[in-house]
Amino acid sequence: MSRADLTDFRRAARDVSNWGRWGDDDELGTLNFITADKVAQAAGLVRHGKVFPLGVDFGASGPQGAFEFRHNPVHIVTVDGGDVNTLAKYGPSWPRNRLAQQLSGYMTADNPFRFNDDIIIMPLQAATQWDALSHVYYEDYLYNGFPASSVTSAGAFHCGIDKVDGKGITSRGVLLDIVRLRGVPTFCELGDPITPAELDEAARAQGVTVGPGDIVLVRTGWWARFLETGNGSEPGAGLDWTCASWLHDHGVAAVAADNLMVENPASGVDGAILPMHMLCLRDMGLMLGEYWDLTALAADCAADGVYEFQLIAPPLRVTGAVGSPVNPIAIK
């Protein structure tokens, strides 16, 4: 598709804007489409009790590294079995090391109790994750007209991921398998963005409809490709920026993909980086999910011809965070 300019972008932003739709104080955006009836409908889709984890590993071999401001998780075991005898011996007589003294109190010879403990250090968007509505902004405004300055070094006062927890993210999930639609072996190549027409074509081919409150999962094959190459910087294919209007017209509650940015960096708007992020998060109030593993789910959907399911994907309630890890599951 040909590239657009900022005039086209601003026209699209006006068309998809949900500012004020659910009130001036709304910080949930399109998650408002997930009603109690929608949650009940999603639960009714479970027929066989088959569970498909859609999250990827959070570890040193993850997909980060291309961006200097994001790194793969660092996992540290802070208490382990190797400490038992040493701490029991030296800890009690080490007054200047309160930690050693405290731990040694748990590891006495006359008490069988032992334990391990660990911590993790990582960006909140290191692997499978949701973008909060405060993640992306432009022209000094977040979604619904909240000032961008309300996101400070202490966190996001408006539109943080913690605002989502009370609502929850569970709804009818719909998989649109573009890898299968295009008939490619593993993944969709960069340079051929996924268009709104292809989303419609995939839905027709799969015999599924997309409606208000649905969470759409788009399979591009990027994650399967990453497992083969280990190259987390390879862009791969994604949604053309015009798919934002498609999501708006269908009343989609959220969208997630198996790639690193949902949208396709090879098509877009001159003068705007990641225009779909800008339209979805800032104008529509529609959350984006990245680095989801859709391979096993796609295989099962193709086998039984059922591309709808219950999706459960709540974020961590990190106060003021602009994104969150998630371990989503699909249940059929």
Protein backbone atom coordinates (compact mmCIF):
# COMPACT_ATOMS: atom_id res chain seq x y z
CA MET A 1 0.00 0.00 0.00
CA SER A 2 1.14 3.54 -0.67
CA ARG A 3 2.24 5.70 2.22
CA ALA A 4 -0.01 8.43 3.56
CA ASP A 5 0.77 11.84 5.02
CA LEU A 6 -0.17 13.58 8.25
CA THR A 7 -3.32 15.03 6.68
CA ASP A 8 -4.59 11.50 6.04
CA PHE A 9 -3.53 10.50 9.53
CA ARG A 10 -5.38 13.34 11.25
CA ARG A 11 -8.49 12.59 9.22
CA ALA A 12 -8.37 8.98 10.40
CA ALA A 13 -7.74 10.12 13.99
CA ARG A 14 -10.95 12.18 13.91
CA ASP A 15 -12.91 9.28 12.46
CA VAL A 16 -11.81 6.70 15.05
CA SER A 17 -11.70 8.95 18.12
CA ASN A 18 -13.58 7.68 21.17
CA TRP A 19 -12.85 10.72 23.32
CA GLY A 20 -15.90 11.43 25.47
CA ARG A 21 -17.78 8.35 24.23
CA TRP A 22 -17.90 6.85 27.73
CA GLY A 23 -17.61 10.11 29.63
CA ASP A 24 -14.91 12.69 30.17
CA ASP A 25 -13.32 10.71 33.00
CA ASP A 26 -13.11 7.37 31.15
CA GLU A 27 -9.73 5.62 31.24
CA LEU A 28 -10.77 2.19 29.90
CA GLY A 29 -11.45 3.00 26.27
CA THR A 30 -12.72 0.14 24.15
CA LEU A 31 -12.66 -2.27 27.08
CA ASN A 32 -16.05 -0.68 27.78
CA PHE A 33 -17.35 -2.86 24.94
CA ILE A 34 -16.78 -5.91 27.17
CA THR A 35 -20.11 -6.08 28.96
CA ALA A 36 -21.34 -8.69 31.43
CA ASP A 37 -23.27 -10.32 28.59
CA LYS A 38 -20.08 -10.46 26.52
CA VAL A 39 -18.18 -12.15 29.34
CA ALA A 40 -21.00 -14.69 29.70
CA GLN A 41 -20.98 -15.31 25.94
CA ALA A 42 -17.25 -15.97 26.06
CA ALA A 43 -17.63 -18.45 28.90
CA GLY A 44 -20.27 -20.28 26.86
CA LEU A 45 -17.72 -20.93 24.09
CA VAL A 46 -15.88 -23.47 26.24
CA ARG A 47 -16.86 -26.92 24.96
CA HIS A 48 -13.93 -29.24 25.60
CA GLY A 49 -11.93 -27.56 28.36
CA LYS A 50 -8.81 -27.34 26.17
CA VAL A 51 -6.40 -24.70 27.47
CA PHE A 52 -3.87 -22.94 25.23
CA PRO A 53 -1.20 -20.80 26.91
CA LEU A 54 -0.47 -17.83 24.67
CA GLY A 55 2.40 -16.32 26.64
CA VAL A 56 6.09 -16.74 25.89
CA ASP A 57 8.99 -17.31 28.27
CA PHE A 58 10.29 -14.41 30.32
CA GLY A 59 14.00 -15.15 30.34
CA ALA A 60 17.48 -14.37 29.10
CA SER A 61 16.75 -15.81 25.65
CA GLY A 62 13.78 -13.52 25.04
CA PRO A 63 13.17 -11.22 22.06
CA GLN A 64 14.62 -8.00 23.47
CA GLY A 65 17.94 -6.41 22.58
CA ALA A 66 17.16 -4.40 19.46
CA PHE A 67 16.04 -1.45 21.60
CA GLU A 68 18.66 -0.10 23.97
CA PHE A 69 15.97 0.97 26.43
CA ARG A 70 14.60 -2.59 26.76
CA HIS A 71 16.44 -5.70 27.82
CA ASN A 72 15.56 -9.31 28.41
CA PRO A 73 14.61 -10.24 31.98
CA VAL A 74 17.35 -10.82 34.53
CA HIS A 75 16.35 -13.58 36.93
CA ILE A 76 18.31 -13.92 40.18
CA VAL A 77 17.86 -16.60 42.79
CA THR A 78 18.53 -14.77 46.06
CA VAL A 79 18.25 -17.76 48.42
CA ASP A 80 19.09 -21.28 47.33
CA GLY A 81 20.11 -24.68 48.65
CA GLY A 82 23.78 -23.84 48.36
CA ASP A 83 23.38 -21.28 51.13
CA VAL A 84 22.06 -23.71 53.72
CA ASN A 85 25.22 -25.05 55.34
CA THR A 86 27.30 -21.92 54.81
CA LEU A 87 24.76 -19.54 56.32
CA ALA A 88 24.08 -21.87 59.22
CA LYS A 89 27.81 -21.83 59.97
CA TYR A 90 28.71 -18.16 59.48
CA GLY A 91 25.44 -16.25 59.79
CA PRO A 92 24.86 -16.31 63.55
CA SER A 93 28.25 -14.71 64.28
CA TRP A 94 28.10 -12.07 61.52
CA PRO A 95 26.49 -9.05 63.21
CA ARG A 96 27.45 -6.60 60.46
CA ASN A 97 25.47 -8.63 57.90
CA ARG A 98 21.88 -8.57 59.08
CA LEU A 99 20.72 -10.48 56.02
CA ALA A 100 23.04 -13.39 56.76
CA GLN A 101 21.96 -13.39 60.37
CA GLN A 102 18.28 -13.41 59.48
CA LEU A 103 18.58 -16.18 56.91
CA SER A 104 20.70 -18.34 59.21
CA GLY A 105 17.85 -18.27 61.69
CA TYR A 106 15.73 -20.24 59.24
CA MET A 107 18.41 -22.83 58.55
CA THR A 108 19.24 -24.32 61.93
CA ALA A 109 20.11 -27.97 62.25
CA ASP A 110 17.12 -28.74 64.48
CA ASN A 111 14.59 -27.31 62.02
CA PRO A 112 13.86 -29.11 58.70
CA PHE A 113 12.37 -26.00 57.07
CA ARG A 114 14.30 -24.70 54.06
CA PHE A 115 13.29 -22.34 51.24
CA ASN A 116 14.37 -20.71 47.97
CA ASP A 117 13.65 -17.15 46.92
CA ASP A 118 14.20 -15.08 43.79
CA ILE A 119 13.70 -11.73 42.09
CA ILE A 120 13.36 -10.59 38.50
CA ILE A 121 14.52 -7.33 36.91
CA MET A 122 12.96 -6.47 33.58
CA PRO A 123 11.08 -3.96 31.46
CA LEU A 124 7.34 -4.46 31.86
CA GLN A 125 7.15 -4.99 28.10
CA ALA A 126 9.97 -7.51 27.81
CA ALA A 127 7.85 -10.33 26.36
CA THR A 128 4.11 -11.13 26.16
CA GLN A 129 2.43 -7.90 27.26
CA TRP A 130 -0.29 -5.31 26.99
CA ASP A 131 0.33 -1.67 26.11
CA ALA A 132 -1.57 0.59 28.50
CA LEU A 133 -3.37 3.59 27.03
CA SER A 134 -0.68 5.82 28.55
CA HIS A 135 2.09 4.09 26.58
CA VAL A 136 1.82 6.24 23.44
CA TYR A 137 0.69 9.82 22.96
CA TYR A 138 1.17 12.73 20.59
CA GLU A 139 0.63 16.48 20.63
CA ASP A 140 0.75 16.43 24.46
CA TYR A 141 -2.42 14.39 24.99
CA LEU A 142 -3.20 10.86 26.12
CA TYR A 143 -6.46 9.06 25.37
CA ASN A 144 -9.62 11.01 26.16
CA GLY A 145 -7.77 14.32 26.38
CA PHE A 146 -5.80 13.65 29.54
CA PRO A 147 -2.54 15.64 29.58
CA ALA A 148 0.61 13.75 28.67
CA SER A 149 2.27 15.54 31.58
CA SER A 150 0.19 13.40 33.95
CA VAL A 151 2.69 10.60 33.24
CA THR A 152 5.66 11.38 35.45
CA SER A 153 8.70 9.58 36.79
CA ALA A 154 6.37 8.31 39.54
CA GLY A 155 4.07 6.67 37.00
CA ALA A 156 0.94 7.32 34.95
CA PHE A 157 -1.69 9.19 36.94
CA HIS A 158 -4.14 8.73 34.05
CA CYS A 159 -4.64 5.66 31.84
CA GLY A 160 -2.13 3.45 33.69
CA ILE A 161 -2.40 -0.32 33.41
CA ASP A 162 -3.68 -0.48 36.99
CA LYS A 163 -6.91 1.21 35.86
CA VAL A 164 -7.72 -1.93 33.87
CA ASP A 165 -7.66 -4.42 36.74
CA GLY A 166 -11.12 -3.67 38.06
CA LYS A 167 -12.58 -4.19 34.60
CA GLY A 168 -10.55 -7.27 33.81
CA ILE A 169 -9.68 -8.48 30.33
CA THR A 170 -11.72 -11.55 29.55
CA SER A 171 -13.96 -11.79 26.53
CA ARG A 172 -14.65 -13.65 23.32
CA GLY A 173 -11.38 -14.11 21.49
CA VAL A 174 -11.22 -14.44 17.71
CA LEU A 175 -8.12 -15.66 15.89
CA LEU A 176 -7.47 -14.32 12.40
CA ASP A 177 -4.78 -16.57 10.95
CA ILE A 178 -3.03 -14.60 8.20
CA VAL A 179 -0.26 -17.20 7.88
CA ARG A 180 -2.85 -19.79 6.91
CA LEU A 181 -4.76 -17.34 4.70
CA ARG A 182 -1.62 -16.52 2.70
CA GLY A 183 -0.53 -20.14 2.54
CA VAL A 184 3.01 -19.42 3.74
CA PRO A 185 4.95 -22.09 5.67
CA THR A 186 5.88 -20.19 8.82
CA PHE A 187 5.54 -16.42 8.74
CA CYS A 188 4.42 -13.42 6.70
CA GLU A 189 7.31 -11.53 5.15
CA LEU A 190 8.02 -7.88 5.87
CA GLY A 191 6.93 -5.56 3.10
CA ASP A 192 3.50 -7.05 2.65
CA PRO A 193 1.32 -5.45 5.34
CA ILE A 194 -1.91 -7.03 6.47
CA THR A 195 -4.79 -4.97 5.13
CA PRO A 196 -8.37 -4.50 6.35
CA ALA A 197 -9.53 -6.49 3.31
CA GLU A 198 -7.35 -9.40 4.41
CA LEU A 199 -8.84 -9.32 7.89
CA ASP A 200 -12.28 -9.59 6.31
CA GLU A 201 -11.07 -12.34 4.01
CA ALA A 202 -9.59 -14.32 6.90
CA ALA A 203 -12.82 -14.03 8.87
CA ARG A 204 -14.86 -15.26 5.87
CA ALA A 205 -12.49 -18.14 5.18
CA GLN A 206 -12.63 -19.22 8.80
CA GLY A 207 -16.40 -18.83 9.10
CA VAL A 208 -16.16 -16.40 12.00
CA THR A 209 -17.44 -12.90 12.60
CA VAL A 210 -15.89 -10.08 14.61
CA GLY A 211 -18.15 -7.88 16.69
CA PRO A 212 -18.30 -5.43 19.59
CA GLY A 213 -16.35 -6.50 22.65
CA ASP A 214 -14.28 -9.14 20.87
CA ILE A 215 -10.52 -9.37 21.35
CA VAL A 216 -8.86 -10.05 18.01
CA LEU A 217 -5.67 -12.11 17.81
CA VAL A 218 -3.70 -11.81 14.57
CA ARG A 219 -1.24 -14.55 13.64
CA THR A 220 1.65 -13.34 11.49
CA GLY A 221 4.05 -16.18 12.32
CA TRP A 222 6.67 -13.80 13.76
CA TRP A 223 7.09 -15.72 17.01
CA ALA A 224 7.54 -19.05 15.23
CA ARG A 225 10.16 -17.38 13.06
CA PHE A 226 11.92 -15.96 16.13
CA LEU A 227 12.15 -19.42 17.68
CA GLU A 228 13.93 -20.56 14.52
CA THR A 229 16.36 -17.65 14.19
CA GLY A 230 16.62 -16.02 17.62
CA ASN A 231 16.59 -12.66 15.83
CA GLY A 232 14.36 -10.37 17.86
CA SER A 233 15.08 -7.34 15.68
CA GLU A 234 13.59 -8.79 12.49
CA PRO A 235 10.43 -6.72 11.96
CA GLY A 236 8.26 -9.22 10.10
CA ALA A 237 4.78 -8.38 8.85
CA GLY A 238 2.01 -6.70 10.78
CA LEU A 239 -1.18 -4.73 10.38
CA ASP A 240 -1.28 -1.81 8.01
CA TRP A 241 -2.05 1.39 9.90
CA THR A 242 -5.44 1.61 8.17
CA CYS A 243 -6.52 -1.47 10.15
CA ALA A 244 -7.15 0.93 13.04
CA SER A 245 -10.31 2.02 11.24
CA TRP A 246 -11.31 -1.63 10.77
CA LEU A 247 -10.91 -2.29 14.49
CA HIS A 248 -12.95 0.82 15.26
CA ASP A 249 -15.75 -0.09 12.85
CA HIS A 250 -16.06 -3.59 14.36
CA GLY A 251 -16.09 -2.37 17.95
CA VAL A 252 -13.07 -4.48 18.87
CA ALA A 253 -12.14 -4.30 22.56
CA ALA A 254 -8.42 -5.04 22.12
CA VAL A 255 -6.04 -6.52 19.57
CA ALA A 256 -2.94 -8.67 20.02
CA ALA A 257 -0.47 -10.26 17.63
CA ASP A 258 2.45 -12.67 17.72
CA ASN A 259 4.94 -10.02 16.59
CA LEU A 260 6.92 -7.24 18.20
CA MET A 261 4.72 -4.24 17.42
CA VAL A 262 1.36 -5.46 16.01
CA GLU A 263 1.57 -3.03 13.10
CA ASN A 264 3.79 -3.21 10.05
CA PRO A 265 6.71 -0.75 10.05
CA ALA A 266 7.06 -1.01 6.28
CA SER A 267 3.80 0.82 5.64
CA GLY A 268 2.63 3.91 7.38
CA VAL A 269 2.45 7.66 7.50
CA ASP A 270 5.20 10.04 6.48
CA GLY A 271 6.08 12.04 9.57
CA ALA A 272 4.65 9.57 12.09
CA ILE A 273 6.35 6.56 13.65
CA LEU A 274 4.01 3.67 14.48
CA PRO A 275 0.81 5.48 13.43
CA MET A 276 -1.41 2.56 14.38
CA HIS A 277 -0.12 2.72 17.95
CA MET A 278 -0.97 6.41 17.94
CA LEU A 279 -4.49 5.89 16.61
CA CYS A 280 -5.32 2.88 18.79
CA LEU A 281 -3.88 3.94 22.12
CA ARG A 282 -4.30 7.71 22.00
CA ASP A 283 -7.42 8.22 19.87
CA MET A 284 -9.46 5.03 20.15
CA GLY A 285 -8.41 3.92 23.61
CA LEU A 286 -7.74 0.41 22.30
CA MET A 287 -5.02 -1.65 23.99
CA LEU A 288 -2.40 -3.53 21.98
CA GLY A 289 -0.83 -6.87 22.90
CA GLU A 290 2.58 -7.94 21.59
CA TYR A 291 4.74 -11.09 21.58
CA TRP A 292 1.86 -13.56 21.93
CA ASP A 293 2.46 -17.19 20.91
CA LEU A 294 -0.46 -18.22 18.70
CA THR A 295 1.05 -21.31 17.06
CA ALA A 296 -0.63 -24.09 19.05
CA LEU A 297 -3.95 -22.27 19.17
CA ALA A 298 -3.87 -21.75 15.40
CA ALA A 299 -3.19 -25.45 14.80
CA ASP A 300 -6.17 -26.44 16.93
CA CYS A 301 -8.45 -23.86 15.31
CA ALA A 302 -7.49 -25.18 11.88
CA ALA A 303 -8.10 -28.77 12.99
CA ASP A 304 -11.63 -28.25 14.31
CA GLY A 305 -12.61 -25.19 12.26
CA VAL A 306 -13.47 -23.19 15.39
CA TYR A 307 -11.74 -19.82 15.59
CA GLU A 308 -13.58 -18.37 18.61
CA PHE A 309 -12.87 -19.10 22.26
CA GLN A 310 -12.84 -17.69 25.75
CA LEU A 311 -9.81 -15.46 26.24
CA ILE A 312 -8.52 -14.56 29.69
CA ALA A 313 -5.68 -12.03 29.76
CA PRO A 314 -5.52 -9.79 32.83
CA PRO A 315 -2.44 -7.62 33.27
CA LEU A 316 -0.45 -7.24 36.46
CA ARG A 317 -1.76 -4.41 38.60
CA VAL A 318 1.43 -2.36 38.60
CA THR A 319 0.56 1.09 39.94
CA GLY A 320 1.00 3.74 37.27
CA ALA A 321 2.63 1.41 34.74
CA VAL A 322 2.35 2.10 31.00
CA GLY A 323 2.43 -1.61 30.14
CA SER A 324 2.30 -4.99 31.81
CA PRO A 325 3.42 -8.57 31.37
CA VAL A 326 0.57 -10.98 30.79
CA ASN A 327 0.19 -14.75 30.63
CA PRO A 328 -2.95 -15.06 28.49
CA ILE A 329 -4.86 -18.29 27.96
CA ALA A 330 -7.44 -19.31 25.40
CA ILE A 331 -10.00 -21.95 26.41
CA LYS A 332 -12.03 -23.94 23.88
